[in-house]
Amino acid sequence: MSYPSKDEILASSKGWVASFLNFLPGLGSGYLYQRRWMPYFFTITVSTAWFALGFFLKGDSEPSQNEQIIGISGLFFISIVTVIEANLAFKKASNKTKAEKEKIISSIKKGWFN
C-alpha cells in the first residue's frame, strides 16, 4: 500500500472550495481543506499581526471610520492573496499529477507481443 504524495492530496481537493474557504473567513481555512499547514500558520500569523498592529497603534481610543476601513481592507488583501495562492498551488499540483499519470501510462507497452 502506497501513501499519496502531497501533490496527489492537493490535486484531489477542489480548487474552488479552497479558494472560497480562504476568501470568506479570510483566515486561511482553505489551507486546512488542502492539508497545507505551513501556509495556514503563516496566514494566521499575518492576520494576528495585523490585528495586533491596529490594536497597539490605536491604544485606548476609538478607531475612526478611515482606520476601520484600513483594517478591513488589510484583511481583504490577505484573503485575496490566499485565494490566488491556493488556486495556483492547486493548478500546479493538478498539472504535475496529470503529467505523472500520463508518463506511467505511456511507459506501459501496448501491443500483442510485449
C-alpha atoms as a PDB file:
ATOM      1  CA  MET A   1       0.000   0.000   0.000  1.00  0.00           C
ATOM      2  CA  SER A   2       1.460   3.333  -1.005  1.00  0.00           C
ATOM      3  CA  TYR A   3       0.508   6.596   0.582  1.00  0.00           C
ATOM      4  CA  PRO A   4      -0.493   9.513  -1.630  1.00  0.00           C
ATOM      5  CA  SER A   5       2.063  12.262  -2.109  1.00  0.00           C
ATOM      6  CA  LYS A   6       1.436  15.866  -1.109  1.00  0.00           C
ATOM      7  CA  ASP A   7       0.741  16.767  -4.721  1.00  0.00           C
ATOM      8  CA  GLU A   8      -1.799  13.966  -5.064  1.00  0.00           C
ATOM      9  CA  ILE A   9      -3.596  15.091  -1.912  1.00  0.00           C
ATOM     10  CA  LEU A  10      -3.620  18.687  -3.101  1.00  0.00           C
ATOM     11  CA  ALA A  11      -4.790  17.712  -6.596  1.00  0.00           C
ATOM     12  CA  SER A  12      -7.605  15.592  -5.180  1.00  0.00           C
ATOM     13  CA  SER A  13      -9.114  18.630  -3.464  1.00  0.00           C
ATOM     14  CA  LYS A  14     -11.330  21.091  -5.290  1.00  0.00           C
ATOM     15  CA  GLY A  15      -9.605  24.370  -6.107  1.00  0.00           C
ATOM     16  CA  TRP A  16     -12.738  26.471  -5.912  1.00  0.00           C
ATOM     17  CA  VAL A  17     -13.620  25.128  -2.448  1.00  0.00           C
ATOM     18  CA  ALA A  18     -10.176  26.027  -1.104  1.00  0.00           C
ATOM     19  CA  SER A  19     -10.386  29.468  -2.704  1.00  0.00           C
ATOM     20  CA  PHE A  20     -13.853  30.073  -1.277  1.00  0.00           C
ATOM     21  CA  LEU A  21     -12.800  28.982   2.206  1.00  0.00           C
ATOM     22  CA  ASN A  22      -9.767  31.262   2.052  1.00  0.00           C
ATOM     23  CA  PHE A  23     -11.858  34.223   0.922  1.00  0.00           C
ATOM     24  CA  LEU A  24     -14.947  34.002   3.108  1.00  0.00           C
ATOM     25  CA  PRO A  25     -13.441  33.914   6.594  1.00  0.00           C
ATOM     26  CA  GLY A  26     -10.167  35.393   5.357  1.00  0.00           C
ATOM     27  CA  LEU A  27      -8.105  33.334   7.779  1.00  0.00           C
ATOM     28  CA  GLY A  28      -6.764  30.582   5.515  1.00  0.00           C
ATOM     29  CA  SER A  29      -9.395  27.930   6.162  1.00  0.00           C
ATOM     30  CA  GLY A  30      -8.915  26.675   2.620  1.00  0.00           C
ATOM     31  CA  TYR A  31      -5.393  25.654   3.571  1.00  0.00           C
ATOM     32  CA  LEU A  32      -6.861  23.316   6.179  1.00  0.00           C
ATOM     33  CA  TYR A  33      -9.055  21.822   3.475  1.00  0.00           C
ATOM     34  CA  GLN A  34      -5.993  21.316   1.273  1.00  0.00           C
ATOM     35  CA  ARG A  35      -3.954  19.976   4.205  1.00  0.00           C
ATOM     36  CA  ARG A  36      -1.308  22.637   3.785  1.00  0.00           C
ATOM     37  CA  TRP A  37      -0.218  23.507   7.294  1.00  0.00           C
ATOM     38  CA  MET A  38       2.646  25.960   6.723  1.00  0.00           C
ATOM     39  CA  PRO A  39       0.626  28.424   4.590  1.00  0.00           C
ATOM     40  CA  TYR A  40      -2.212  28.163   7.112  1.00  0.00           C
ATOM     41  CA  PHE A  41       0.002  29.034  10.072  1.00  0.00           C
ATOM     42  CA  PHE A  42       1.653  31.807   8.082  1.00  0.00           C
ATOM     43  CA  THR A  43      -1.767  33.302   7.243  1.00  0.00           C
ATOM     44  CA  ILE A  44      -2.904  33.080  10.866  1.00  0.00           C
ATOM     45  CA  THR A  45       0.335  34.768  11.970  1.00  0.00           C
ATOM     46  CA  VAL A  46      -0.041  37.597   9.446  1.00  0.00           C
ATOM     47  CA  SER A  47      -3.709  38.138  10.355  1.00  0.00           C
ATOM     48  CA  THR A  48      -2.897  38.177  14.067  1.00  0.00           C
ATOM     49  CA  ALA A  49      -0.043  40.604  13.468  1.00  0.00           C
ATOM     50  CA  TRP A  50      -2.410  42.868  11.504  1.00  0.00           C
ATOM     51  CA  PHE A  51      -4.907  42.882  14.398  1.00  0.00           C
ATOM     52  CA  ALA A  52      -2.140  43.451  16.952  1.00  0.00           C
ATOM     53  CA  LEU A  53      -0.662  46.296  14.930  1.00  0.00           C
ATOM     54  CA  GLY A  54      -4.028  48.052  14.797  1.00  0.00           C
ATOM     55  CA  PHE A  55      -4.624  47.439  18.487  1.00  0.00           C
ATOM     56  CA  PHE A  56      -1.252  48.770  19.628  1.00  0.00           C
ATOM     57  CA  LEU A  57      -1.188  51.754  17.278  1.00  0.00           C
ATOM     58  CA  LYS A  58      -4.632  52.921  18.306  1.00  0.00           C
ATOM     59  CA  GLY A  59      -4.328  52.267  22.028  1.00  0.00           C
ATOM     60  CA  ASP A  60      -7.352  53.076  24.198  1.00  0.00           C
ATOM     61  CA  SER A  61      -9.115  55.482  21.832  1.00  0.00           C
ATOM     62  CA  GLU A  62     -11.926  54.527  19.485  1.00  0.00           C
ATOM     63  CA  PRO A  63     -10.823  53.961  15.852  1.00  0.00           C
ATOM     64  CA  SER A  64     -12.125  56.393  13.262  1.00  0.00           C
ATOM     65  CA  GLN A  65     -14.045  55.282  10.200  1.00  0.00           C
ATOM     66  CA  ASN A  66     -10.947  55.647   7.992  1.00  0.00           C
ATOM     67  CA  GLU A  67      -8.919  53.477  10.352  1.00  0.00           C
ATOM     68  CA  GLN A  68     -11.666  50.839  10.349  1.00  0.00           C
ATOM     69  CA  ILE A  69     -11.650  50.821   6.541  1.00  0.00           C
ATOM     70  CA  ILE A  70      -7.864  50.419   6.553  1.00  0.00           C
ATOM     71  CA  GLY A  71      -8.145  47.457   8.934  1.00  0.00           C
ATOM     72  CA  ILE A  72     -10.833  45.744   6.901  1.00  0.00           C
ATOM     73  CA  SER A  73      -9.027  46.392   3.619  1.00  0.00           C
ATOM     74  CA  GLY A  74      -5.887  44.800   5.084  1.00  0.00           C
ATOM     75  CA  LEU A  75      -7.823  41.649   5.927  1.00  0.00           C
ATOM     76  CA  PHE A  76      -9.423  41.740   2.475  1.00  0.00           C
ATOM     77  CA  PHE A  77      -5.954  41.952   0.904  1.00  0.00           C
ATOM     78  CA  ILE A  78      -4.768  38.959   2.958  1.00  0.00           C
ATOM     79  CA  SER A  79      -7.787  36.926   1.857  1.00  0.00           C
ATOM     80  CA  ILE A  80      -7.327  37.838  -1.836  1.00  0.00           C
ATOM     81  CA  VAL A  81      -3.654  36.822  -1.718  1.00  0.00           C
ATOM     82  CA  THR A  82      -4.518  33.479  -0.099  1.00  0.00           C
ATOM     83  CA  VAL A  83      -7.278  32.832  -2.667  1.00  0.00           C
ATOM     84  CA  ILE A  84      -4.873  33.373  -5.552  1.00  0.00           C
ATOM     85  CA  GLU A  85      -2.095  31.327  -3.946  1.00  0.00           C
ATOM     86  CA  ALA A  86      -4.357  28.386  -3.089  1.00  0.00           C
ATOM     87  CA  ASN A  87      -5.756  28.304  -6.615  1.00  0.00           C
ATOM     88  CA  LEU A  88      -2.280  28.459  -8.205  1.00  0.00           C
ATOM     89  CA  ALA A  89      -0.987  25.695  -5.920  1.00  0.00           C
ATOM     90  CA  PHE A  90      -3.973  23.510  -6.826  1.00  0.00           C
ATOM     91  CA  LYS A  91      -3.426  24.023 -10.560  1.00  0.00           C
ATOM     92  CA  LYS A  92       0.293  23.307 -10.255  1.00  0.00           C
ATOM     93  CA  ALA A  93      -0.281  20.090  -8.291  1.00  0.00           C
ATOM     94  CA  SER A  94      -3.066  19.011 -10.635  1.00  0.00           C
ATOM     95  CA  ASN A  95      -0.902  19.503 -13.714  1.00  0.00           C
ATOM     96  CA  LYS A  96       2.003  17.686 -12.082  1.00  0.00           C
ATOM     97  CA  THR A  97      -0.082  14.646 -11.154  1.00  0.00           C
ATOM     98  CA  LYS A  98      -1.656  14.535 -14.626  1.00  0.00           C
ATOM     99  CA  ALA A  99       1.802  14.572 -16.202  1.00  0.00           C
ATOM    100  CA  GLU A 100       2.991  11.772 -13.897  1.00  0.00           C
ATOM    101  CA  LYS A 101      -0.061   9.638 -14.695  1.00  0.00           C
ATOM    102  CA  GLU A 102       0.416  10.169 -18.430  1.00  0.00           C
ATOM    103  CA  LYS A 103       4.067   9.227 -18.087  1.00  0.00           C
ATOM    104  CA  ILE A 104       3.144   5.984 -16.301  1.00  0.00           C
ATOM    105  CA  ILE A 105       0.501   5.153 -18.883  1.00  0.00           C
ATOM    106  CA  SER A 106       2.808   5.865 -21.819  1.00  0.00           C
ATOM    107  CA  SER A 107       5.572   3.746 -20.294  1.00  0.00           C
ATOM    108  CA  ILE A 108       3.331   0.660 -20.355  1.00  0.00           C
ATOM    109  CA  LYS A 109       3.990  -1.135 -23.626  1.00  0.00           C
ATOM    110  CA  LYS A 110       0.954  -1.796 -25.717  1.00  0.00           C
ATOM    111  CA  GLY A 111       0.692  -4.451 -28.360  1.00  0.00           C
ATOM    112  CA  TRP A 112       0.303  -8.106 -28.968  1.00  0.00           C
ATOM    113  CA  PHE A 113       3.844  -9.191 -28.219  1.00  0.00           C
ATOM    114  CA  ASN A 114       5.427  -7.377 -25.249  1.00  0.00           C
END
